[in-house]
Full PDB file with SEQRES, HELIX, SHEET, SSBOND, CRYST1, ORIGX, SCALE, CONECT and MASTER records, all heavy atoms in Angstrom:
SEQRES   1 A   31  GLY ALA ARG GLU GLU ILE GLU GLU GLY LEU SER MET GLY          
SEQRES   2 A   31  ALA LYS ALA TYR LEU PRO LYS PRO VAL SER LEU GLU LYS          
SEQRES   3 A   31  LEU LEU ILE THR VAL                                          
HELIX    1 AA1 ARG A    3  SER A   11  1                                   9    
HELIX    2 AA2 LEU A   24  THR A   30  1                                   7    
CRYST1    1.000    1.000    1.000  90.00  90.00  90.00 P 1           1          
ORIGX1      1.000000  0.000000  0.000000        0.00000                         
ORIGX2      0.000000  1.000000  0.000000        0.00000                         
ORIGX3      0.000000  0.000000  1.000000        0.00000                         
SCALE1      1.000000  0.000000  0.000000        0.00000                         
SCALE2      0.000000  1.000000  0.000000        0.00000                         
SCALE3      0.000000  0.000000  1.000000        0.00000                         
ATOM      1  N   GLY A   1      57.678 105.680 161.353  1.00  0.00           N  
ATOM      2  CA  GLY A   1      58.656 106.551 160.727  1.00  0.00           C  
ATOM      3  C   GLY A   1      58.152 107.351 159.549  1.00  0.00           C  
ATOM      4  O   GLY A   1      58.941 107.978 158.842  1.00  0.00           O  
ATOM      5  N   ALA A   2      56.835 107.377 159.331  1.00  0.00           N  
ATOM      6  CA  ALA A   2      56.293 108.177 158.233  1.00  0.00           C  
ATOM      7  C   ALA A   2      56.466 109.660 158.550  1.00  0.00           C  
ATOM      8  O   ALA A   2      56.494 110.071 159.715  1.00  0.00           O  
ATOM      9  CB  ALA A   2      54.820 107.850 158.013  1.00  0.00           C  
ATOM     10  N   ARG A   3      56.587 110.467 157.507  1.00  0.00           N  
ATOM     11  CA  ARG A   3      56.811 111.900 157.671  1.00  0.00           C  
ATOM     12  C   ARG A   3      55.763 112.540 158.584  1.00  0.00           C  
ATOM     13  O   ARG A   3      56.097 113.352 159.449  1.00  0.00           O  
ATOM     14  CB  ARG A   3      56.801 112.588 156.306  1.00  0.00           C  
ATOM     15  CG  ARG A   3      57.105 114.074 156.378  1.00  0.00           C  
ATOM     16  CD  ARG A   3      57.135 114.716 154.999  1.00  0.00           C  
ATOM     17  NE  ARG A   3      55.966 114.468 154.191  1.00  0.00           N  
ATOM     18  CZ  ARG A   3      54.831 115.187 154.253  1.00  0.00           C  
ATOM     19  NH1 ARG A   3      54.730 116.183 155.097  1.00  0.00           N  
ATOM     20  NH2 ARG A   3      53.815 114.888 153.478  1.00  0.00           N  
ATOM     21  N   GLU A   4      54.498 112.165 158.411  1.00  0.00           N  
ATOM     22  CA  GLU A   4      53.423 112.744 159.230  1.00  0.00           C  
ATOM     23  C   GLU A   4      53.612 112.403 160.714  1.00  0.00           C  
ATOM     24  O   GLU A   4      53.344 113.228 161.584  1.00  0.00           O  
ATOM     25  CB  GLU A   4      52.048 112.240 158.772  1.00  0.00           C  
ATOM     26  CG  GLU A   4      51.716 112.578 157.337  1.00  0.00           C  
ATOM     27  CD  GLU A   4      52.314 111.590 156.340  1.00  0.00           C  
ATOM     28  OE1 GLU A   4      52.580 110.422 156.694  1.00  0.00           O  
ATOM     29  OE2 GLU A   4      52.542 112.011 155.189  1.00  0.00           O  
ATOM     30  N   GLU A   5      54.046 111.185 160.983  1.00  0.00           N  
ATOM     31  CA  GLU A   5      54.247 110.761 162.373  1.00  0.00           C  
ATOM     32  C   GLU A   5      55.429 111.499 162.993  1.00  0.00           C  
ATOM     33  O   GLU A   5      55.383 111.886 164.166  1.00  0.00           O  
ATOM     34  CB  GLU A   5      54.444 109.253 162.432  1.00  0.00           C  
ATOM     35  CG  GLU A   5      53.180 108.515 162.043  1.00  0.00           C  
ATOM     36  CD  GLU A   5      53.413 107.080 161.620  1.00  0.00           C  
ATOM     37  OE1 GLU A   5      54.510 106.732 161.162  1.00  0.00           O  
ATOM     38  OE2 GLU A   5      52.453 106.308 161.744  1.00  0.00           O  
ATOM     39  N   ILE A   6      56.481 111.704 162.211  1.00  0.00           N  
ATOM     40  CA  ILE A   6      57.636 112.450 162.709  1.00  0.00           C  
ATOM     41  C   ILE A   6      57.229 113.889 163.000  1.00  0.00           C  
ATOM     42  O   ILE A   6      57.551 114.437 164.066  1.00  0.00           O  
ATOM     43  CB  ILE A   6      58.799 112.383 161.701  1.00  0.00           C  
ATOM     44  CG1 ILE A   6      59.322 110.945 161.606  1.00  0.00           C  
ATOM     45  CG2 ILE A   6      59.911 113.359 162.087  1.00  0.00           C  
ATOM     46  CD1 ILE A   6      60.307 110.705 160.487  1.00  0.00           C  
ATOM     47  N   GLU A   7      56.480 114.505 162.091  1.00  0.00           N  
ATOM     48  CA  GLU A   7      56.013 115.880 162.303  1.00  0.00           C  
ATOM     49  C   GLU A   7      55.129 115.972 163.543  1.00  0.00           C  
ATOM     50  O   GLU A   7      55.227 116.923 164.315  1.00  0.00           O  
ATOM     51  CB  GLU A   7      55.262 116.381 161.075  1.00  0.00           C  
ATOM     52  CG  GLU A   7      56.167 116.633 159.889  1.00  0.00           C  
ATOM     53  CD  GLU A   7      55.406 116.954 158.610  1.00  0.00           C  
ATOM     54  OE1 GLU A   7      54.154 116.938 158.602  1.00  0.00           O  
ATOM     55  OE2 GLU A   7      56.083 117.215 157.596  1.00  0.00           O  
ATOM     56  N   GLU A   8      54.259 114.974 163.731  1.00  0.00           N  
ATOM     57  CA  GLU A   8      53.391 114.975 164.914  1.00  0.00           C  
ATOM     58  C   GLU A   8      54.213 114.873 166.190  1.00  0.00           C  
ATOM     59  O   GLU A   8      53.972 115.590 167.158  1.00  0.00           O  
ATOM     60  CB  GLU A   8      52.380 113.821 164.860  1.00  0.00           C  
ATOM     61  CG  GLU A   8      51.449 113.801 166.056  1.00  0.00           C  
ATOM     62  CD  GLU A   8      50.452 112.662 166.028  1.00  0.00           C  
ATOM     63  OE1 GLU A   8      50.481 111.836 165.101  1.00  0.00           O  
ATOM     64  OE2 GLU A   8      49.646 112.597 166.977  1.00  0.00           O  
ATOM     65  N   GLY A   9      55.210 113.988 166.206  1.00  0.00           N  
ATOM     66  CA  GLY A   9      56.061 113.847 167.390  1.00  0.00           C  
ATOM     67  C   GLY A   9      56.803 115.130 167.713  1.00  0.00           C  
ATOM     68  O   GLY A   9      56.875 115.543 168.875  1.00  0.00           O  
ATOM     69  N   LEU A  10      57.319 115.780 166.709  1.00  0.00           N  
ATOM     70  CA  LEU A  10      58.032 117.038 166.946  1.00  0.00           C  
ATOM     71  C   LEU A  10      57.077 118.144 167.384  1.00  0.00           C  
ATOM     72  O   LEU A  10      57.420 118.961 168.233  1.00  0.00           O  
ATOM     73  CB  LEU A  10      58.807 117.445 165.687  1.00  0.00           C  
ATOM     74  CG  LEU A  10      59.937 116.488 165.303  1.00  0.00           C  
ATOM     75  CD1 LEU A  10      60.525 116.876 163.953  1.00  0.00           C  
ATOM     76  CD2 LEU A  10      61.025 116.437 166.370  1.00  0.00           C  
ATOM     77  N   SER A  11      55.852 118.140 166.838  1.00  0.00           N  
ATOM     78  CA  SER A  11      54.878 119.154 167.247  1.00  0.00           C  
ATOM     79  C   SER A  11      54.391 118.939 168.679  1.00  0.00           C  
ATOM     80  O   SER A  11      53.912 119.874 169.311  1.00  0.00           O  
ATOM     81  CB  SER A  11      53.690 119.185 166.283  1.00  0.00           C  
ATOM     82  OG  SER A  11      52.874 118.049 166.451  1.00  0.00           O  
ATOM     83  N   MET A  12      54.528 117.717 169.183  1.00  0.00           N  
ATOM     84  CA  MET A  12      54.153 117.432 170.578  1.00  0.00           C  
ATOM     85  C   MET A  12      55.227 117.891 171.555  1.00  0.00           C  
ATOM     86  O   MET A  12      55.044 117.803 172.757  1.00  0.00           O  
ATOM     87  CB  MET A  12      53.902 115.936 170.785  1.00  0.00           C  
ATOM     88  CG  MET A  12      52.647 115.439 170.137  1.00  0.00           C  
ATOM     89  SD  MET A  12      52.270 113.705 170.554  1.00  0.00           S  
ATOM     90  CE  MET A  12      53.737 112.860 170.037  1.00  0.00           C  
ATOM     91  N   GLY A  13      56.365 118.350 171.035  1.00  0.00           N  
ATOM     92  CA  GLY A  13      57.394 118.872 171.917  1.00  0.00           C  
ATOM     93  C   GLY A  13      58.686 118.084 171.951  1.00  0.00           C  
ATOM     94  O   GLY A  13      59.617 118.476 172.656  1.00  0.00           O  
ATOM     95  N   ALA A  14      58.761 116.978 171.220  1.00  0.00           N  
ATOM     96  CA  ALA A  14      60.018 116.223 171.194  1.00  0.00           C  
ATOM     97  C   ALA A  14      61.109 117.072 170.545  1.00  0.00           C  
ATOM     98  O   ALA A  14      60.854 117.821 169.602  1.00  0.00           O  
ATOM     99  CB  ALA A  14      59.842 114.922 170.426  1.00  0.00           C  
ATOM    100  N   LYS A  15      62.322 116.949 171.036  1.00  0.00           N  
ATOM    101  CA  LYS A  15      63.456 117.685 170.481  1.00  0.00           C  
ATOM    102  C   LYS A  15      64.041 116.989 169.254  1.00  0.00           C  
ATOM    103  O   LYS A  15      64.720 117.622 168.456  1.00  0.00           O  
ATOM    104  CB  LYS A  15      64.548 117.857 171.541  1.00  0.00           C  
ATOM    105  CG  LYS A  15      64.097 118.642 172.750  1.00  0.00           C  
ATOM    106  CD  LYS A  15      63.674 120.038 172.369  1.00  0.00           C  
ATOM    107  CE  LYS A  15      63.263 120.820 173.592  1.00  0.00           C  
ATOM    108  NZ  LYS A  15      62.612 122.078 173.258  1.00  0.00           N  
ATOM    109  N   ALA A  16      63.791 115.682 169.135  1.00  0.00           N  
ATOM    110  CA  ALA A  16      64.258 114.911 167.984  1.00  0.00           C  
ATOM    111  C   ALA A  16      63.373 113.682 167.848  1.00  0.00           C  
ATOM    112  O   ALA A  16      62.713 113.262 168.800  1.00  0.00           O  
ATOM    113  CB  ALA A  16      65.720 114.503 168.162  1.00  0.00           C  
ATOM    114  N   TYR A  17      63.376 113.103 166.647  1.00  0.00           N  
ATOM    115  CA  TYR A  17      62.588 111.916 166.348  1.00  0.00           C  
ATOM    116  C   TYR A  17      63.457 110.985 165.519  1.00  0.00           C  
ATOM    117  O   TYR A  17      63.896 111.353 164.430  1.00  0.00           O  
ATOM    118  CB  TYR A  17      61.332 112.319 165.568  1.00  0.00           C  
ATOM    119  CG  TYR A  17      60.284 111.244 165.445  1.00  0.00           C  
ATOM    120  CD1 TYR A  17      59.042 111.401 166.043  1.00  0.00           C  
ATOM    121  CD2 TYR A  17      60.501 110.082 164.705  1.00  0.00           C  
ATOM    122  CE1 TYR A  17      58.044 110.437 165.918  1.00  0.00           C  
ATOM    123  CE2 TYR A  17      59.522 109.114 164.574  1.00  0.00           C  
ATOM    124  CZ  TYR A  17      58.292 109.302 165.179  1.00  0.00           C  
ATOM    125  OH  TYR A  17      57.305 108.345 165.064  1.00  0.00           O  
ATOM    126  N   LEU A  18      63.727 109.811 166.052  1.00  0.00           N  
ATOM    127  CA  LEU A  18      64.559 108.822 165.370  1.00  0.00           C  
ATOM    128  C   LEU A  18      63.713 107.593 165.047  1.00  0.00           C  
ATOM    129  O   LEU A  18      63.239 106.909 165.951  1.00  0.00           O  
ATOM    130  CB  LEU A  18      65.739 108.411 166.254  1.00  0.00           C  
ATOM    131  CG  LEU A  18      66.700 109.524 166.658  1.00  0.00           C  
ATOM    132  CD1 LEU A  18      67.714 108.998 167.664  1.00  0.00           C  
ATOM    133  CD2 LEU A  18      67.382 110.105 165.436  1.00  0.00           C  
ATOM    134  N   PRO A  19      63.500 107.303 163.759  1.00  0.00           N  
ATOM    135  CA  PRO A  19      62.767 106.093 163.398  1.00  0.00           C  
ATOM    136  C   PRO A  19      63.607 104.839 163.688  1.00  0.00           C  
ATOM    137  O   PRO A  19      64.812 104.832 163.481  1.00  0.00           O  
ATOM    138  CB  PRO A  19      62.533 106.238 161.891  1.00  0.00           C  
ATOM    139  CG  PRO A  19      62.798 107.672 161.572  1.00  0.00           C  
ATOM    140  CD  PRO A  19      63.769 108.150 162.597  1.00  0.00           C  
ATOM    141  N   LYS A  20      62.928 103.784 164.181  1.00  0.00           N  
ATOM    142  CA  LYS A  20      63.577 102.489 164.394  1.00  0.00           C  
ATOM    143  C   LYS A  20      63.607 101.744 163.075  1.00  0.00           C  
ATOM    144  O   LYS A  20      62.663 101.879 162.288  1.00  0.00           O  
ATOM    145  CB  LYS A  20      62.803 101.654 165.422  1.00  0.00           C  
ATOM    146  CG  LYS A  20      62.897 102.153 166.834  1.00  0.00           C  
ATOM    147  CD  LYS A  20      62.054 101.253 167.734  1.00  0.00           C  
ATOM    148  CE  LYS A  20      62.039 101.734 169.164  1.00  0.00           C  
ATOM    149  NZ  LYS A  20      61.127 100.942 169.991  1.00  0.00           N  
ATOM    150  N   PRO A  21      64.608 100.969 162.819  1.00  0.00           N  
ATOM    151  CA  PRO A  21      65.782 100.781 163.670  1.00  0.00           C  
ATOM    152  C   PRO A  21      66.716 101.981 163.540  1.00  0.00           C  
ATOM    153  O   PRO A  21      66.862 102.547 162.457  1.00  0.00           O  
ATOM    154  CB  PRO A  21      66.442  99.518 163.113  1.00  0.00           C  
ATOM    155  CG  PRO A  21      66.018  99.483 161.675  1.00  0.00           C  
ATOM    156  CD  PRO A  21      64.655 100.121 161.619  1.00  0.00           C  
ATOM    157  N   VAL A  22      67.299 102.370 164.644  1.00  0.00           N  
ATOM    158  CA  VAL A  22      68.219 103.505 164.659  1.00  0.00           C  
ATOM    159  C   VAL A  22      69.627 102.974 164.917  1.00  0.00           C  
ATOM    160  O   VAL A  22      69.814 102.070 165.728  1.00  0.00           O  
ATOM    161  CB  VAL A  22      67.803 104.545 165.719  1.00  0.00           C  
ATOM    162  CG1 VAL A  22      67.795 103.955 167.112  1.00  0.00           C  
ATOM    163  CG2 VAL A  22      68.689 105.770 165.670  1.00  0.00           C  
ATOM    164  N   SER A  23      70.585 103.523 164.215  1.00  0.00           N  
ATOM    165  CA  SER A  23      71.961 103.103 164.465  1.00  0.00           C  
ATOM    166  C   SER A  23      72.408 103.672 165.805  1.00  0.00           C  
ATOM    167  O   SER A  23      71.970 104.752 166.218  1.00  0.00           O  
ATOM    168  CB  SER A  23      72.894 103.583 163.349  1.00  0.00           C  
ATOM    169  OG  SER A  23      73.139 104.971 163.455  1.00  0.00           O  
ATOM    170  N   LEU A  24      73.267 102.947 166.471  1.00  0.00           N  
ATOM    171  CA  LEU A  24      73.762 103.420 167.767  1.00  0.00           C  
ATOM    172  C   LEU A  24      74.560 104.709 167.606  1.00  0.00           C  
ATOM    173  O   LEU A  24      74.500 105.591 168.464  1.00  0.00           O  
ATOM    174  CB  LEU A  24      74.583 102.331 168.448  1.00  0.00           C  
ATOM    175  CG  LEU A  24      73.766 101.108 168.837  1.00  0.00           C  
ATOM    176  CD1 LEU A  24      74.668  99.995 169.338  1.00  0.00           C  
ATOM    177  CD2 LEU A  24      72.711 101.455 169.872  1.00  0.00           C  
ATOM    178  N   GLU A  25      75.259 104.840 166.490  1.00  0.00           N  
ATOM    179  CA  GLU A  25      76.009 106.075 166.235  1.00  0.00           C  
ATOM    180  C   GLU A  25      75.059 107.266 166.131  1.00  0.00           C  
ATOM    181  O   GLU A  25      75.291 108.317 166.736  1.00  0.00           O  
ATOM    182  CB  GLU A  25      76.826 105.933 164.954  1.00  0.00           C  
ATOM    183  CG  GLU A  25      77.635 107.163 164.618  1.00  0.00           C  
ATOM    184  CD  GLU A  25      78.442 106.997 163.339  1.00  0.00           C  
ATOM    185  OE1 GLU A  25      78.389 105.937 162.703  1.00  0.00           O  
ATOM    186  OE2 GLU A  25      79.112 107.969 162.981  1.00  0.00           O  
ATOM    187  N   LYS A  26      73.968 107.108 165.384  1.00  0.00           N  
ATOM    188  CA  LYS A  26      72.977 108.181 165.237  1.00  0.00           C  
ATOM    189  C   LYS A  26      72.332 108.499 166.580  1.00  0.00           C  
ATOM    190  O   LYS A  26      72.114 109.668 166.913  1.00  0.00           O  
ATOM    191  CB  LYS A  26      71.924 107.771 164.207  1.00  0.00           C  
ATOM    192  CG  LYS A  26      70.814 108.771 164.016  1.00  0.00           C  
ATOM    193  CD  LYS A  26      71.289 110.022 163.343  1.00  0.00           C  
ATOM    194  CE  LYS A  26      70.113 110.934 163.032  1.00  0.00           C  
ATOM    195  NZ  LYS A  26      70.538 112.248 162.578  1.00  0.00           N  
ATOM    196  N   LEU A  27      72.045 107.477 167.364  1.00  0.00           N  
ATOM    197  CA  LEU A  27      71.475 107.690 168.693  1.00  0.00           C  
ATOM    198  C   LEU A  27      72.418 108.521 169.559  1.00  0.00           C  
ATOM    199  O   LEU A  27      72.007 109.514 170.160  1.00  0.00           O  
ATOM    200  CB  LEU A  27      71.186 106.345 169.371  1.00  0.00           C  
ATOM    201  CG  LEU A  27      70.747 106.427 170.832  1.00  0.00           C  
ATOM    202  CD1 LEU A  27      69.400 107.109 170.962  1.00  0.00           C  
ATOM    203  CD2 LEU A  27      70.726 105.048 171.460  1.00  0.00           C  
ATOM    204  N   LEU A  28      73.676 108.132 169.621  1.00  0.00           N  
ATOM    205  CA  LEU A  28      74.634 108.844 170.473  1.00  0.00           C  
ATOM    206  C   LEU A  28      74.844 110.279 170.008  1.00  0.00           C  
ATOM    207  O   LEU A  28      74.938 111.202 170.840  1.00  0.00           O  
ATOM    208  CB  LEU A  28      75.953 108.087 170.528  1.00  0.00           C  
ATOM    209  CG  LEU A  28      75.894 106.724 171.225  1.00  0.00           C  
ATOM    210  CD1 LEU A  28      77.212 105.983 171.053  1.00  0.00           C  
ATOM    211  CD2 LEU A  28      75.536 106.864 172.691  1.00  0.00           C  
ATOM    212  N   ILE A  29      74.898 110.494 168.703  1.00  0.00           N  
ATOM    213  CA  ILE A  29      75.060 111.854 168.174  1.00  0.00           C  
ATOM    214  C   ILE A  29      73.844 112.714 168.536  1.00  0.00           C  
ATOM    215  O   ILE A  29      73.990 113.856 168.984  1.00  0.00           O  
ATOM    216  CB  ILE A  29      75.273 111.813 166.641  1.00  0.00           C  
ATOM    217  CG1 ILE A  29      76.656 111.254 166.323  1.00  0.00           C  
ATOM    218  CG2 ILE A  29      75.088 113.201 166.025  1.00  0.00           C  
ATOM    219  CD1 ILE A  29      76.859 110.925 164.851  1.00  0.00           C  
ATOM    220  N   THR A  30      72.658 112.168 168.363  1.00  0.00           N  
ATOM    221  CA  THR A  30      71.434 112.919 168.655  1.00  0.00           C  
ATOM    222  C   THR A  30      71.317 113.222 170.142  1.00  0.00           C  
ATOM    223  O   THR A  30      70.949 114.336 170.529  1.00  0.00           O  
ATOM    224  CB  THR A  30      70.199 112.157 168.145  1.00  0.00           C  
ATOM    225  OG1 THR A  30      70.369 111.891 166.746  1.00  0.00           O  
ATOM    226  CG2 THR A  30      68.930 112.955 168.357  1.00  0.00           C  
ATOM    227  N   VAL A  31      71.639 112.256 170.980  1.00  0.00           N  
ATOM    228  CA  VAL A  31      71.626 112.479 172.429  1.00  0.00           C  
ATOM    229  C   VAL A  31      72.553 113.637 172.786  1.00  0.00           C  
ATOM    230  O   VAL A  31      72.170 114.558 173.512  1.00  0.00           O  
ATOM    231  CB  VAL A  31      72.019 111.195 173.196  1.00  0.00           C  
ATOM    232  CG1 VAL A  31      72.392 111.493 174.645  1.00  0.00           C  
ATOM    233  CG2 VAL A  31      70.893 110.175 173.126  1.00  0.00           C  
TER     234      VAL A  31                                                      
MASTER        0    0    0    2    0    0    0    6  233    1    0    3          
END                                                                             
């Protein structure tokens, strides 16, 4: 969940990046 890792995931093409543990509410909203 470090900022650099989130930026890398998004630069690889992910539409969103959720660090674990993620709340189910946040998961459903992001989906």
